[in-house]
Structure formats: C-alpha cells, structure tokens
Amino acid sequence: MHLQATPPRTLPPQDMEAMDASEQQAQRLTYVVGAVAGAVLLALLCLLCSRALF
C-alpha cells in the first residue's frame, strides 16, 4: 500500500518592509533596555564604592 503525500501548500506573501521595521523597533528597544540596565548597574557600583570609601 502506497500513500500519496499531498503537495505542499503555498505560503502567504510576506511584507518584508513591515518585517524590517519591526526588527528595527525591536533592536532599538533592546538597546534602550540594555542602556537602562547599564545605568542602574553603574549607579549601584558607585553607591557601593562610596559606601566602602566613606
């Protein structure tokens, strides 16, 4: 008994410009989150060092 596989269906068209815009927005968000996290860590480091010196 041989079964015939159904042919693959066609994929819907993709909006490449919208995908690029979404990726750029996600990248900017990633940079902002990283910058905020870095600023918080720098502030904590300065606070800890000032406590150790004084």
PDB file of N, CA and C in Angstrom:
ATOM      1  N   MET A   1       0.829  -1.166   0.000  1.00  0.00           N
ATOM      2  CA  MET A   1       0.000   0.000   0.000  1.00  0.00           C
ATOM      3  C   MET A   1       0.889   1.250   0.000  1.00  0.00           C
ATOM      4  N   HIS A   2       0.725   2.077  -0.991  1.00  0.00           N
ATOM      5  CA  HIS A   2       1.482   3.328  -1.121  1.00  0.00           C
ATOM      6  C   HIS A   2       0.538   4.497  -0.924  1.00  0.00           C
ATOM      7  N   LEU A   3       0.957   5.409  -0.068  1.00  0.00           N
ATOM      8  CA  LEU A   3       0.153   6.606   0.164  1.00  0.00           C
ATOM      9  C   LEU A   3       0.785   7.785  -0.567  1.00  0.00           C
ATOM     10  N   GLN A   4      -0.057   8.553  -1.199  1.00  0.00           N
ATOM     11  CA  GLN A   4       0.428   9.744  -1.891  1.00  0.00           C
ATOM     12  C   GLN A   4       0.424  10.919  -0.913  1.00  0.00           C
ATOM     13  N   ALA A   5       1.544  11.556  -0.811  1.00  0.00           N
ATOM     14  CA  ALA A   5       1.621  12.743   0.040  1.00  0.00           C
ATOM     15  C   ALA A   5       0.978  13.908  -0.682  1.00  0.00           C
ATOM     16  N   THR A   6       0.294  14.723   0.072  1.00  0.00           N
ATOM     17  CA  THR A   6      -0.314  15.893  -0.548  1.00  0.00           C
ATOM     18  C   THR A   6       0.777  16.897  -0.889  1.00  0.00           C
ATOM     19  N   PRO A   7       0.615  17.622  -1.953  1.00  0.00           N
ATOM     20  CA  PRO A   7       1.644  18.606  -2.305  1.00  0.00           C
ATOM     21  C   PRO A   7       1.679  19.722  -1.273  1.00  0.00           C
ATOM     22  N   PRO A   8       2.835  20.325  -1.062  1.00  0.00           N
ATOM     23  CA  PRO A   8       2.929  21.388  -0.062  1.00  0.00           C
ATOM     24  C   PRO A   8       2.074  22.581  -0.474  1.00  0.00           C
ATOM     25  N   ARG A   9       1.477  23.204   0.519  1.00  0.00           N
ATOM     26  CA  ARG A   9       0.642  24.363   0.215  1.00  0.00           C
ATOM     27  C   ARG A   9       1.522  25.595   0.051  1.00  0.00           C
ATOM     28  N   THR A  10       1.013  26.578  -0.617  1.00  0.00           N
ATOM     29  CA  THR A  10       1.786  27.799  -0.830  1.00  0.00           C
ATOM     30  C   THR A  10       1.710  28.671   0.412  1.00  0.00           C
ATOM     31  N   LEU A  11       2.805  29.294   0.737  1.00  0.00           N
ATOM     32  CA  LEU A  11       2.854  30.169   1.900  1.00  0.00           C
ATOM     33  C   LEU A  11       2.254  31.527   1.565  1.00  0.00           C
ATOM     34  N   PRO A  12       1.682  32.191   2.544  1.00  0.00           N
ATOM     35  CA  PRO A  12       1.143  33.524   2.277  1.00  0.00           C
ATOM     36  C   PRO A  12       2.279  34.502   1.998  1.00  0.00           C
ATOM     37  N   PRO A  13       2.016  35.538   1.241  1.00  0.00           N
ATOM     38  CA  PRO A  13       3.082  36.517   0.951  1.00  0.00           C
ATOM     39  C   PRO A  13       3.502  37.247   2.231  1.00  0.00           C
ATOM     40  N   GLN A  14       4.765  37.639   2.281  1.00  0.00           N
ATOM     41  CA  GLN A  14       5.292  38.312   3.464  1.00  0.00           C
ATOM     42  C   GLN A  14       5.569  39.774   3.135  1.00  0.00           C
ATOM     43  N   ASP A  15       5.286  40.631   4.067  1.00  0.00           N
ATOM     44  CA  ASP A  15       5.545  42.058   3.920  1.00  0.00           C
ATOM     45  C   ASP A  15       6.937  42.339   4.478  1.00  0.00           C
ATOM     46  N   MET A  16       7.916  42.350   3.604  1.00  0.00           N
ATOM     47  CA  MET A  16       9.305  42.488   4.036  1.00  0.00           C
ATOM     48  C   MET A  16       9.575  43.852   4.670  1.00  0.00           C
ATOM     49  N   GLU A  17       8.950  44.902   4.164  1.00  0.00           N
ATOM     50  CA  GLU A  17       9.175  46.231   4.736  1.00  0.00           C
ATOM     51  C   GLU A  17       8.645  46.297   6.176  1.00  0.00           C
ATOM     52  N   ALA A  18       7.492  45.711   6.415  1.00  0.00           N
ATOM     53  CA  ALA A  18       6.943  45.700   7.776  1.00  0.00           C
ATOM     54  C   ALA A  18       7.807  44.852   8.696  1.00  0.00           C
ATOM     55  N   MET A  19       8.336  43.748   8.180  1.00  0.00           N
ATOM     56  CA  MET A  19       9.213  42.902   8.993  1.00  0.00           C
ATOM     57  C   MET A  19      10.493  43.651   9.347  1.00  0.00           C
ATOM     58  N   ASP A  20      11.070  44.382   8.386  1.00  0.00           N
ATOM     59  CA  ASP A  20      12.282  45.158   8.657  1.00  0.00           C
ATOM     60  C   ASP A  20      12.022  46.247   9.690  1.00  0.00           C
ATOM     61  N   ALA A  21      10.887  46.929   9.576  1.00  0.00           N
ATOM     62  CA  ALA A  21      10.551  47.986  10.523  1.00  0.00           C
ATOM     63  C   ALA A  21      10.359  47.398  11.924  1.00  0.00           C
ATOM     64  N   SER A  22       9.729  46.248  12.000  1.00  0.00           N
ATOM     65  CA  SER A  22       9.516  45.593  13.293  1.00  0.00           C
ATOM     66  C   SER A  22      10.844  45.169  13.907  1.00  0.00           C
ATOM     67  N   GLU A  23      11.745  44.653  13.105  1.00  0.00           N
ATOM     68  CA  GLU A  23      13.059  44.248  13.618  1.00  0.00           C
ATOM     69  C   GLU A  23      13.854  45.446  14.109  1.00  0.00           C
ATOM     70  N   GLN A  24      13.777  46.573  13.388  1.00  0.00           N
ATOM     71  CA  GLN A  24      14.486  47.776  13.822  1.00  0.00           C
ATOM     72  C   GLN A  24      13.917  48.298  15.133  1.00  0.00           C
ATOM     73  N   GLN A  25      12.602  48.253  15.269  1.00  0.00           N
ATOM     74  CA  GLN A  25      11.973  48.692  16.511  1.00  0.00           C
ATOM     75  C   GLN A  25      12.393  47.794  17.676  1.00  0.00           C
ATOM     76  N   ALA A  26      12.443  46.491  17.445  1.00  0.00           N
ATOM     77  CA  ALA A  26      12.866  45.559  18.486  1.00  0.00           C
ATOM     78  C   ALA A  26      14.329  45.785  18.857  1.00  0.00           C
ATOM     79  N   GLN A  27      15.148  46.096  17.872  1.00  0.00           N
ATOM     80  CA  GLN A  27      16.566  46.347  18.148  1.00  0.00           C
ATOM     81  C   GLN A  27      16.732  47.615  18.985  1.00  0.00           C
ATOM     82  N   ARG A  28      15.981  48.661  18.670  1.00  0.00           N
ATOM     83  CA  ARG A  28      16.042  49.893  19.461  1.00  0.00           C
ATOM     84  C   ARG A  28      15.597  49.634  20.894  1.00  0.00           C
ATOM     85  N   LEU A  29      14.535  48.859  21.050  1.00  0.00           N
ATOM     86  CA  LEU A  29      14.057  48.532  22.389  1.00  0.00           C
ATOM     87  C   LEU A  29      15.118  47.767  23.170  1.00  0.00           C
ATOM     88  N   THR A  30      15.797  46.844  22.506  1.00  0.00           N
ATOM     89  CA  THR A  30      16.861  46.078  23.152  1.00  0.00           C
ATOM     90  C   THR A  30      17.987  46.996  23.616  1.00  0.00           C
ATOM     91  N   TYR A  31      18.367  47.953  22.764  1.00  0.00           N
ATOM     92  CA  TYR A  31      19.419  48.900  23.142  1.00  0.00           C
ATOM     93  C   TYR A  31      18.991  49.760  24.326  1.00  0.00           C
ATOM     94  N   VAL A  32      17.737  50.206  24.331  1.00  0.00           N
ATOM     95  CA  VAL A  32      17.246  51.044  25.434  1.00  0.00           C
ATOM     96  C   VAL A  32      17.240  50.254  26.739  1.00  0.00           C
ATOM     97  N   VAL A  33      16.761  49.030  26.698  1.00  0.00           N
ATOM     98  CA  VAL A  33      16.738  48.202  27.904  1.00  0.00           C
ATOM     99  C   VAL A  33      18.165  47.954  28.393  1.00  0.00           C
ATOM    100  N   GLY A  34      19.091  47.696  27.494  1.00  0.00           N
ATOM    101  CA  GLY A  34      20.487  47.489  27.873  1.00  0.00           C
ATOM    102  C   GLY A  34      21.106  48.735  28.466  1.00  0.00           C
ATOM    103  N   ALA A  35      20.784  49.900  27.902  1.00  0.00           N
ATOM    104  CA  ALA A  35      21.331  51.155  28.425  1.00  0.00           C
ATOM    105  C   ALA A  35      20.781  51.446  29.817  1.00  0.00           C
ATOM    106  N   VAL A  36      19.495  51.206  30.019  1.00  0.00           N
ATOM    107  CA  VAL A  36      18.905  51.426  31.343  1.00  0.00           C
ATOM    108  C   VAL A  36      19.518  50.472  32.365  1.00  0.00           C
ATOM    109  N   ALA A  37      19.673  49.213  31.985  1.00  0.00           N
ATOM    110  CA  ALA A  37      20.279  48.240  32.899  1.00  0.00           C
ATOM    111  C   ALA A  37      21.719  48.629  33.216  1.00  0.00           C
ATOM    112  N   GLY A  38      22.462  49.098  32.215  1.00  0.00           N
ATOM    113  CA  GLY A  38      23.835  49.538  32.449  1.00  0.00           C
ATOM    114  C   GLY A  38      23.899  50.743  33.372  1.00  0.00           C
ATOM    115  N   ALA A  39      22.972  51.685  33.211  1.00  0.00           N
ATOM    116  CA  ALA A  39      22.953  52.868  34.072  1.00  0.00           C
ATOM    117  C   ALA A  39      22.623  52.488  35.510  1.00  0.00           C
ATOM    118  N   VAL A  40      21.692  51.569  35.689  1.00  0.00           N
ATOM    119  CA  VAL A  40      21.345  51.123  37.040  1.00  0.00           C
ATOM    120  C   VAL A  40      22.538  50.418  37.684  1.00  0.00           C
ATOM    121  N   LEU A  41      23.197  49.562  36.929  1.00  0.00           N
ATOM    122  CA  LEU A  41      24.363  48.868  37.481  1.00  0.00           C
ATOM    123  C   LEU A  41      25.494  49.833  37.811  1.00  0.00           C
ATOM    124  N   LEU A  42      25.692  50.850  36.978  1.00  0.00           N
ATOM    125  CA  LEU A  42      26.728  51.844  37.245  1.00  0.00           C
ATOM    126  C   LEU A  42      26.391  52.638  38.508  1.00  0.00           C
ATOM    127  N   ALA A  43      25.130  53.005  38.669  1.00  0.00           N
ATOM    128  CA  ALA A  43      24.715  53.731  39.868  1.00  0.00           C
ATOM    129  C   ALA A  43      24.920  52.868  41.121  1.00  0.00           C
ATOM    130  N   LEU A  44      24.571  51.598  41.043  1.00  0.00           N
ATOM    131  CA  LEU A  44      24.786  50.702  42.178  1.00  0.00           C
ATOM    132  C   LEU A  44      26.269  50.537  42.497  1.00  0.00           C
ATOM    133  N   LEU A  45      27.087  50.440  41.470  1.00  0.00           N
ATOM    134  CA  LEU A  45      28.527  50.317  41.674  1.00  0.00           C
ATOM    135  C   LEU A  45      29.083  51.564  42.347  1.00  0.00           C
ATOM    136  N   CYS A  46      28.646  52.738  41.896  1.00  0.00           N
ATOM    137  CA  CYS A  46      29.104  53.984  42.520  1.00  0.00           C
ATOM    138  C   CYS A  46      28.634  54.058  43.969  1.00  0.00           C
ATOM    139  N   LEU A  47      27.412  53.643  44.221  1.00  0.00           N
ATOM    140  CA  LEU A  47      26.889  53.660  45.589  1.00  0.00           C
ATOM    141  C   LEU A  47      27.692  52.724  46.495  1.00  0.00           C
ATOM    142  N   LEU A  48      27.981  51.541  46.017  1.00  0.00           N
ATOM    143  CA  LEU A  48      28.749  50.587  46.825  1.00  0.00           C
ATOM    144  C   LEU A  48      30.176  51.064  47.056  1.00  0.00           C
ATOM    145  N   CYS A  49      30.789  51.655  46.036  1.00  0.00           N
ATOM    146  CA  CYS A  49      32.153  52.141  46.206  1.00  0.00           C
ATOM    147  C   CYS A  49      32.194  53.336  47.153  1.00  0.00           C
ATOM    148  N   SER A  50      31.184  54.219  47.096  1.00  0.00           N
ATOM    149  CA  SER A  50      31.181  55.357  48.004  1.00  0.00           C
ATOM    150  C   SER A  50      30.968  54.898  49.442  1.00  0.00           C
ATOM    151  N   ARG A  51      30.178  53.849  49.636  1.00  0.00           N
ATOM    152  CA  ARG A  51      29.983  53.320  50.992  1.00  0.00           C
ATOM    153  C   ARG A  51      31.277  52.713  51.522  1.00  0.00           C
ATOM    154  N   ALA A  52      32.051  52.095  50.634  1.00  0.00           N
ATOM    155  CA  ALA A  52      33.303  51.462  51.073  1.00  0.00           C
ATOM    156  C   ALA A  52      34.369  52.503  51.392  1.00  0.00           C
ATOM    157  N   LEU A  53      34.340  53.641  50.700  1.00  0.00           N
ATOM    158  CA  LEU A  53      35.365  54.675  50.921  1.00  0.00           C
ATOM    159  C   LEU A  53      35.040  55.561  52.100  1.00  0.00           C
ATOM    160  N   PHE A  54      33.765  55.780  52.388  1.00  0.00           N
ATOM    161  CA  PHE A  54      33.403  56.722  53.453  1.00  0.00           C
ATOM    162  C   PHE A  54      32.796  55.985  54.572  1.00  0.00           C
TER     163      PHE A  54
END
